[in-house]
N, C-alpha and C. Protein backbone atom coordinates (compact mmCIF):
# COMPACT_ATOMS: atom_id res chain seq x y z
N MET A 1 25.99 -42.48 47.19
CA MET A 1 26.10 -41.26 47.96
C MET A 1 27.00 -40.25 47.25
N LYS A 2 28.10 -40.76 46.65
CA LYS A 2 29.02 -39.89 45.94
C LYS A 2 28.31 -39.22 44.76
N ASN A 3 27.46 -39.99 44.04
CA ASN A 3 26.73 -39.42 42.90
C ASN A 3 25.76 -38.34 43.36
N LEU A 4 25.13 -38.52 44.51
CA LEU A 4 24.22 -37.52 45.05
C LEU A 4 24.96 -36.22 45.35
N LYS A 5 26.16 -36.32 45.94
CA LYS A 5 26.96 -35.13 46.23
C LYS A 5 27.33 -34.40 44.94
N ILE A 6 27.72 -35.14 43.92
CA ILE A 6 28.08 -34.53 42.64
C ILE A 6 26.86 -33.86 42.02
N LEU A 7 25.70 -34.51 42.10
CA LEU A 7 24.48 -33.93 41.56
C LEU A 7 24.12 -32.64 42.28
N LEU A 8 24.21 -32.64 43.61
CA LEU A 8 23.91 -31.43 44.38
C LEU A 8 24.90 -30.31 44.05
N LEU A 9 26.17 -30.66 43.86
CA LEU A 9 27.17 -29.67 43.50
C LEU A 9 26.87 -29.06 42.13
N LEU A 10 26.48 -29.90 41.16
CA LEU A 10 26.13 -29.40 39.83
C LEU A 10 24.89 -28.50 39.88
N ILE A 11 23.92 -28.88 40.68
CA ILE A 11 22.71 -28.05 40.82
C ILE A 11 23.07 -26.70 41.44
N ALA A 12 23.93 -26.71 42.46
CA ALA A 12 24.34 -25.45 43.10
C ALA A 12 25.08 -24.56 42.10
N PHE A 13 25.97 -25.16 41.30
CA PHE A 13 26.66 -24.37 40.27
C PHE A 13 25.66 -23.83 39.25
N GLY A 14 24.69 -24.64 38.89
CA GLY A 14 23.67 -24.21 37.94
C GLY A 14 22.91 -23.00 38.43
N PHE A 15 22.50 -23.00 39.70
CA PHE A 15 21.80 -21.85 40.26
C PHE A 15 22.72 -20.63 40.32
N GLY A 16 23.99 -20.85 40.62
CA GLY A 16 24.94 -19.74 40.66
C GLY A 16 25.11 -19.09 39.30
N PHE A 17 25.20 -19.89 38.25
CA PHE A 17 25.33 -19.33 36.90
C PHE A 17 24.06 -18.63 36.49
N GLN A 18 22.91 -19.18 36.87
CA GLN A 18 21.64 -18.57 36.52
C GLN A 18 21.53 -17.17 37.12
N LYS A 19 21.96 -17.02 38.35
CA LYS A 19 21.90 -15.71 39.01
C LYS A 19 22.83 -14.72 38.33
N SER A 20 24.03 -15.19 37.93
CA SER A 20 24.97 -14.26 37.33
C SER A 20 24.50 -13.78 35.97
N ASN A 21 23.72 -14.56 35.25
CA ASN A 21 23.22 -14.16 33.95
C ASN A 21 22.02 -13.23 34.05
N ALA A 22 21.41 -13.13 35.21
CA ALA A 22 20.18 -12.36 35.35
C ALA A 22 20.40 -11.10 36.19
N GLN A 23 21.59 -10.55 36.12
CA GLN A 23 21.87 -9.34 36.88
C GLN A 23 21.15 -8.16 36.26
N PRO A 24 20.68 -7.23 37.07
CA PRO A 24 20.04 -6.02 36.52
C PRO A 24 21.02 -5.23 35.66
N ILE A 25 20.49 -4.63 34.62
CA ILE A 25 21.27 -3.75 33.74
C ILE A 25 20.78 -2.34 33.99
N ARG A 26 21.70 -1.43 34.25
CA ARG A 26 21.32 -0.06 34.57
C ARG A 26 21.77 0.88 33.46
N PHE A 27 20.88 1.77 33.12
CA PHE A 27 21.16 2.80 32.13
C PHE A 27 20.94 4.16 32.79
N LYS A 28 21.69 5.15 32.35
CA LYS A 28 21.43 6.53 32.74
C LYS A 28 20.97 7.25 31.49
N SER A 29 19.94 8.07 31.65
CA SER A 29 19.48 8.83 30.49
C SER A 29 20.10 10.22 30.52
N SER A 30 20.25 10.78 29.33
CA SER A 30 20.74 12.15 29.24
C SER A 30 19.63 13.08 28.76
N SER A 31 18.67 12.53 27.98
CA SER A 31 17.59 13.37 27.45
C SER A 31 16.42 12.50 27.03
N VAL A 32 15.27 13.16 26.85
CA VAL A 32 14.04 12.46 26.47
C VAL A 32 13.27 13.30 25.46
N SER A 33 12.54 12.62 24.59
CA SER A 33 11.68 13.27 23.60
C SER A 33 10.39 12.46 23.52
N PHE A 34 9.33 13.06 22.95
CA PHE A 34 8.08 12.32 22.79
C PHE A 34 7.38 12.75 21.52
N THR A 35 6.44 11.94 21.10
CA THR A 35 5.53 12.25 20.00
C THR A 35 4.18 11.66 20.34
N ASP A 36 3.14 12.23 19.75
CA ASP A 36 1.81 11.65 19.94
C ASP A 36 1.10 11.55 18.60
N LYS A 37 0.03 10.79 18.61
CA LYS A 37 -0.69 10.48 17.39
C LYS A 37 -1.70 11.58 17.08
N LYS A 38 -1.75 11.96 15.81
CA LYS A 38 -2.74 12.93 15.34
C LYS A 38 -4.09 12.23 15.22
N SER A 39 -5.15 13.02 15.08
CA SER A 39 -6.50 12.46 14.95
C SER A 39 -6.64 11.62 13.67
N ASN A 40 -5.81 11.88 12.65
CA ASN A 40 -5.90 11.10 11.41
C ASN A 40 -5.06 9.81 11.46
N GLY A 41 -4.43 9.55 12.60
CA GLY A 41 -3.68 8.29 12.77
C GLY A 41 -2.20 8.39 12.48
N THR A 42 -1.74 9.51 11.92
CA THR A 42 -0.31 9.67 11.70
C THR A 42 0.32 10.26 12.96
N TRP A 43 1.64 10.25 13.01
CA TRP A 43 2.36 10.73 14.19
C TRP A 43 2.86 12.15 13.98
N ASN A 44 2.81 12.94 15.03
CA ASN A 44 3.41 14.28 15.02
C ASN A 44 4.93 14.13 14.98
N GLU A 45 5.61 15.26 14.72
CA GLU A 45 7.07 15.27 14.78
C GLU A 45 7.50 15.01 16.22
N TRP A 46 8.69 14.46 16.40
CA TRP A 46 9.25 14.27 17.73
C TRP A 46 9.52 15.64 18.34
N SER A 47 9.29 15.77 19.62
CA SER A 47 9.61 17.01 20.33
C SER A 47 11.13 17.17 20.38
N ASP A 48 11.57 18.38 20.71
CA ASP A 48 13.00 18.58 20.96
C ASP A 48 13.38 17.77 22.20
N PHE A 49 14.59 17.25 22.21
CA PHE A 49 15.06 16.54 23.40
C PHE A 49 15.25 17.52 24.54
N VAL A 50 14.84 17.10 25.73
CA VAL A 50 15.08 17.89 26.94
C VAL A 50 15.92 17.05 27.90
N ALA A 51 16.69 17.72 28.72
CA ALA A 51 17.55 17.02 29.68
C ALA A 51 16.72 16.14 30.60
N ALA A 52 17.19 14.93 30.81
CA ALA A 52 16.50 13.99 31.71
C ALA A 52 17.55 13.05 32.29
N ASN A 53 17.98 13.35 33.48
CA ASN A 53 18.99 12.56 34.16
C ASN A 53 18.28 11.56 35.08
N VAL A 54 17.85 10.43 34.51
CA VAL A 54 17.14 9.41 35.30
C VAL A 54 17.83 8.06 35.14
N LEU A 55 17.64 7.23 36.13
CA LEU A 55 18.17 5.86 36.11
C LEU A 55 17.08 4.94 35.57
N ILE A 56 17.46 4.10 34.62
CA ILE A 56 16.55 3.10 34.04
C ILE A 56 17.16 1.73 34.32
N THR A 57 16.37 0.84 34.91
CA THR A 57 16.87 -0.48 35.29
C THR A 57 16.07 -1.56 34.59
N LEU A 58 16.78 -2.47 33.94
CA LEU A 58 16.19 -3.67 33.34
C LEU A 58 16.57 -4.83 34.24
N ASP A 59 15.58 -5.47 34.86
CA ASP A 59 15.83 -6.58 35.78
C ASP A 59 15.18 -7.84 35.22
N PRO A 60 15.93 -8.63 34.41
CA PRO A 60 15.34 -9.82 33.80
C PRO A 60 14.93 -10.88 34.82
N LYS A 61 15.56 -10.89 35.98
CA LYS A 61 15.20 -11.87 37.01
C LYS A 61 13.79 -11.61 37.53
N LYS A 62 13.41 -10.32 37.63
CA LYS A 62 12.07 -9.95 38.10
C LYS A 62 11.12 -9.62 36.96
N ASP A 63 11.60 -9.73 35.69
CA ASP A 63 10.81 -9.35 34.51
C ASP A 63 10.26 -7.94 34.68
N LEU A 64 11.16 -6.99 34.95
CA LEU A 64 10.75 -5.65 35.31
C LEU A 64 11.70 -4.61 34.70
N ILE A 65 11.10 -3.51 34.21
CA ILE A 65 11.86 -2.35 33.78
C ILE A 65 11.36 -1.18 34.61
N LEU A 66 12.29 -0.46 35.25
CA LEU A 66 11.94 0.69 36.08
C LEU A 66 12.59 1.94 35.52
N ILE A 67 11.81 3.01 35.45
CA ILE A 67 12.34 4.32 35.08
C ILE A 67 12.14 5.22 36.29
N ASN A 68 13.25 5.60 36.89
CA ASN A 68 13.22 6.37 38.13
C ASN A 68 13.16 7.86 37.84
N SER A 69 12.08 8.28 37.19
CA SER A 69 11.85 9.71 36.94
C SER A 69 11.13 10.29 38.16
N ALA A 70 10.68 11.54 38.07
CA ALA A 70 9.99 12.17 39.20
C ALA A 70 8.85 11.28 39.69
N GLU A 71 8.10 10.72 38.76
CA GLU A 71 7.10 9.70 39.08
C GLU A 71 7.64 8.38 38.55
N VAL A 72 7.96 7.45 39.45
CA VAL A 72 8.58 6.18 39.05
C VAL A 72 7.63 5.42 38.12
N GLN A 73 8.17 5.01 36.98
CA GLN A 73 7.40 4.23 36.01
C GLN A 73 7.88 2.78 36.10
N SER A 74 6.94 1.88 36.24
CA SER A 74 7.25 0.47 36.39
C SER A 74 6.60 -0.30 35.25
N PHE A 75 7.37 -1.15 34.58
CA PHE A 75 6.87 -1.93 33.45
C PHE A 75 7.14 -3.41 33.70
N LYS A 76 6.08 -4.19 33.78
CA LYS A 76 6.20 -5.64 33.93
C LYS A 76 6.40 -6.24 32.54
N ILE A 77 7.46 -6.99 32.36
CA ILE A 77 7.73 -7.62 31.07
C ILE A 77 6.85 -8.85 30.92
N LYS A 78 5.98 -8.84 29.93
CA LYS A 78 5.09 -9.96 29.65
C LYS A 78 5.68 -10.93 28.64
N ALA A 79 6.48 -10.41 27.71
CA ALA A 79 7.10 -11.26 26.69
C ALA A 79 8.39 -10.61 26.21
N TYR A 80 9.37 -11.44 25.94
CA TYR A 80 10.63 -11.00 25.37
C TYR A 80 10.55 -11.25 23.87
N GLY A 81 10.70 -10.19 23.09
CA GLY A 81 10.62 -10.33 21.64
C GLY A 81 11.90 -10.87 21.06
N GLU A 82 11.87 -11.09 19.77
CA GLU A 82 13.04 -11.61 19.07
C GLU A 82 14.01 -10.46 18.79
N ILE A 83 15.25 -10.65 19.15
CA ILE A 83 16.27 -9.63 18.97
C ILE A 83 16.60 -9.50 17.49
N GLU A 84 16.65 -8.26 17.03
CA GLU A 84 17.09 -7.97 15.66
C GLU A 84 18.50 -7.43 15.75
N ASP A 85 19.41 -8.06 15.03
CA ASP A 85 20.81 -7.64 15.08
C ASP A 85 21.37 -7.68 13.67
N ASN A 86 21.76 -6.52 13.16
CA ASN A 86 22.41 -6.45 11.86
C ASN A 86 23.56 -5.45 11.95
N GLU A 87 24.17 -5.11 10.83
CA GLU A 87 25.34 -4.22 10.90
C GLU A 87 24.99 -2.79 11.26
N GLU A 88 23.71 -2.41 11.19
CA GLU A 88 23.32 -1.04 11.51
C GLU A 88 22.79 -0.88 12.93
N VAL A 89 21.95 -1.83 13.39
CA VAL A 89 21.31 -1.69 14.70
C VAL A 89 21.19 -3.03 15.41
N ASN A 90 21.05 -2.91 16.72
CA ASN A 90 20.67 -4.05 17.56
C ASN A 90 19.41 -3.60 18.29
N ILE A 91 18.31 -4.35 18.13
CA ILE A 91 17.05 -4.00 18.77
C ILE A 91 16.61 -5.14 19.67
N VAL A 92 16.39 -4.81 20.94
CA VAL A 92 15.91 -5.78 21.92
C VAL A 92 14.50 -5.35 22.33
N PRO A 93 13.45 -6.11 21.90
CA PRO A 93 12.06 -5.70 22.19
C PRO A 93 11.47 -6.43 23.39
N PHE A 94 10.59 -5.72 24.09
CA PHE A 94 9.86 -6.26 25.24
C PHE A 94 8.39 -5.85 25.12
N GLU A 95 7.49 -6.79 25.34
CA GLU A 95 6.06 -6.47 25.46
C GLU A 95 5.79 -6.30 26.94
N CYS A 96 5.25 -5.16 27.31
CA CYS A 96 5.12 -4.82 28.73
C CYS A 96 3.72 -4.31 29.08
N VAL A 97 3.47 -4.26 30.39
CA VAL A 97 2.30 -3.57 30.93
C VAL A 97 2.82 -2.65 32.03
N ASP A 98 2.37 -1.39 32.01
CA ASP A 98 2.89 -0.44 32.99
C ASP A 98 2.12 -0.52 34.31
N ASN A 99 2.49 0.34 35.27
CA ASN A 99 1.88 0.29 36.59
C ASN A 99 0.45 0.82 36.59
N ARG A 100 -0.03 1.28 35.44
CA ARG A 100 -1.44 1.67 35.30
C ARG A 100 -2.19 0.68 34.42
N TYR A 101 -1.58 -0.47 34.17
CA TYR A 101 -2.16 -1.59 33.42
C TYR A 101 -2.37 -1.27 31.94
N SER A 102 -1.57 -0.36 31.39
CA SER A 102 -1.61 -0.08 29.96
C SER A 102 -0.52 -0.88 29.26
N ASN A 103 -0.86 -1.47 28.13
CA ASN A 103 0.10 -2.23 27.35
C ASN A 103 1.01 -1.29 26.58
N CYS A 104 2.26 -1.70 26.44
CA CYS A 104 3.21 -0.92 25.65
C CYS A 104 4.33 -1.85 25.18
N GLN A 105 5.10 -1.35 24.24
CA GLN A 105 6.29 -2.06 23.78
C GLN A 105 7.49 -1.20 24.13
N ILE A 106 8.52 -1.82 24.68
CA ILE A 106 9.76 -1.13 24.99
C ILE A 106 10.85 -1.73 24.11
N LEU A 107 11.61 -0.85 23.49
CA LEU A 107 12.71 -1.26 22.61
C LEU A 107 14.00 -0.66 23.13
N ILE A 108 15.03 -1.47 23.28
CA ILE A 108 16.37 -0.97 23.57
C ILE A 108 17.14 -1.08 22.26
N ILE A 109 17.52 0.07 21.74
CA ILE A 109 18.14 0.12 20.41
C ILE A 109 19.56 0.65 20.53
N THR A 110 20.48 -0.08 19.93
CA THR A 110 21.86 0.37 19.80
C THR A 110 22.11 0.65 18.34
N LYS A 111 22.47 1.89 18.03
CA LYS A 111 22.74 2.30 16.65
C LYS A 111 24.24 2.19 16.39
N LYS A 112 24.61 1.07 15.77
CA LYS A 112 26.02 0.73 15.61
C LYS A 112 26.79 1.74 14.77
N LYS A 113 26.14 2.29 13.74
CA LYS A 113 26.82 3.23 12.85
C LYS A 113 26.87 4.64 13.43
N GLU A 114 26.34 4.82 14.63
CA GLU A 114 26.40 6.10 15.32
C GLU A 114 27.17 5.94 16.62
N SER A 115 28.32 5.30 16.54
CA SER A 115 29.21 5.06 17.69
C SER A 115 28.49 4.31 18.81
N ASN A 116 27.63 3.36 18.44
CA ASN A 116 26.87 2.54 19.40
C ASN A 116 25.99 3.37 20.31
N ARG A 117 25.42 4.44 19.74
CA ARG A 117 24.48 5.27 20.51
C ARG A 117 23.28 4.43 20.92
N MET A 118 22.86 4.55 22.17
CA MET A 118 21.76 3.74 22.69
C MET A 118 20.54 4.60 22.98
N GLN A 119 19.37 4.03 22.69
CA GLN A 119 18.10 4.68 23.00
C GLN A 119 17.12 3.64 23.53
N ILE A 120 16.23 4.09 24.40
CA ILE A 120 15.15 3.24 24.89
C ILE A 120 13.84 3.91 24.47
N TYR A 121 13.05 3.18 23.68
CA TYR A 121 11.75 3.66 23.21
C TYR A 121 10.66 3.01 24.05
N ILE A 122 9.67 3.79 24.42
CA ILE A 122 8.47 3.29 25.09
C ILE A 122 7.31 3.66 24.19
N ASN A 123 6.70 2.65 23.57
CA ASN A 123 5.68 2.87 22.56
C ASN A 123 4.30 2.43 23.05
N TYR A 124 3.40 3.39 23.18
CA TYR A 124 1.99 3.13 23.45
C TYR A 124 1.22 3.35 22.15
N ASN A 125 -0.07 3.05 22.15
CA ASN A 125 -0.89 3.26 20.96
C ASN A 125 -0.96 4.72 20.55
N GLU A 126 -1.00 5.62 21.51
CA GLU A 126 -1.24 7.04 21.22
C GLU A 126 -0.04 7.96 21.46
N VAL A 127 1.00 7.47 22.12
CA VAL A 127 2.16 8.30 22.44
C VAL A 127 3.41 7.42 22.48
N LYS A 128 4.55 8.04 22.14
CA LYS A 128 5.84 7.35 22.19
C LYS A 128 6.85 8.26 22.89
N PHE A 129 7.74 7.64 23.66
CA PHE A 129 8.83 8.35 24.32
C PHE A 129 10.15 7.72 23.90
N VAL A 130 11.19 8.51 23.82
CA VAL A 130 12.52 7.97 23.56
C VAL A 130 13.51 8.64 24.50
N TYR A 131 14.31 7.81 25.17
CA TYR A 131 15.37 8.27 26.06
C TYR A 131 16.71 7.99 25.39
N ASN A 132 17.60 8.97 25.36
CA ASN A 132 18.99 8.73 25.00
C ASN A 132 19.67 8.22 26.27
N VAL A 133 20.33 7.07 26.17
CA VAL A 133 20.87 6.43 27.37
C VAL A 133 22.30 5.95 27.14
N PHE A 134 22.96 5.63 28.24
CA PHE A 134 24.26 4.97 28.22
C PHE A 134 24.30 4.01 29.41
N ASN A 135 25.13 2.98 29.31
CA ASN A 135 25.25 2.01 30.41
C ASN A 135 25.83 2.69 31.63
N SER A 136 25.28 2.31 32.79
CA SER A 136 25.83 2.88 34.03
C SER A 136 26.35 1.79 34.96
N ASN A 137 26.51 0.58 34.47
CA ASN A 137 27.02 -0.51 35.32
C ASN A 137 28.47 -0.34 35.61
């Protein structure tokens, strides 16, 4: 009976730690830019950044990324990519499907040599968006 109590206690602690590791991460954006693909397959120049004060939430527990813009964008995380981390950048990739069932890749990039400037890229086949962000937790 004593072993059963210890086992239940360990399981309860395990679930508690699991929940604490899967807390949503919130970002606030300051600006956004986009580019689209030319008919020859190359990309146009990035647009000028425009102000965009939106909340972006990464919820690993729900495998979900939400962008609370005028029209809420919802991205279901289908796969977590391999993190790239070197002295210049940290890149966290996600393979996603949006609320219109289009596939895309989302990258959270921290540019270490630029005072840890953070950006979130949303890459589709024909268009890409980039948000300048900072942690809001």
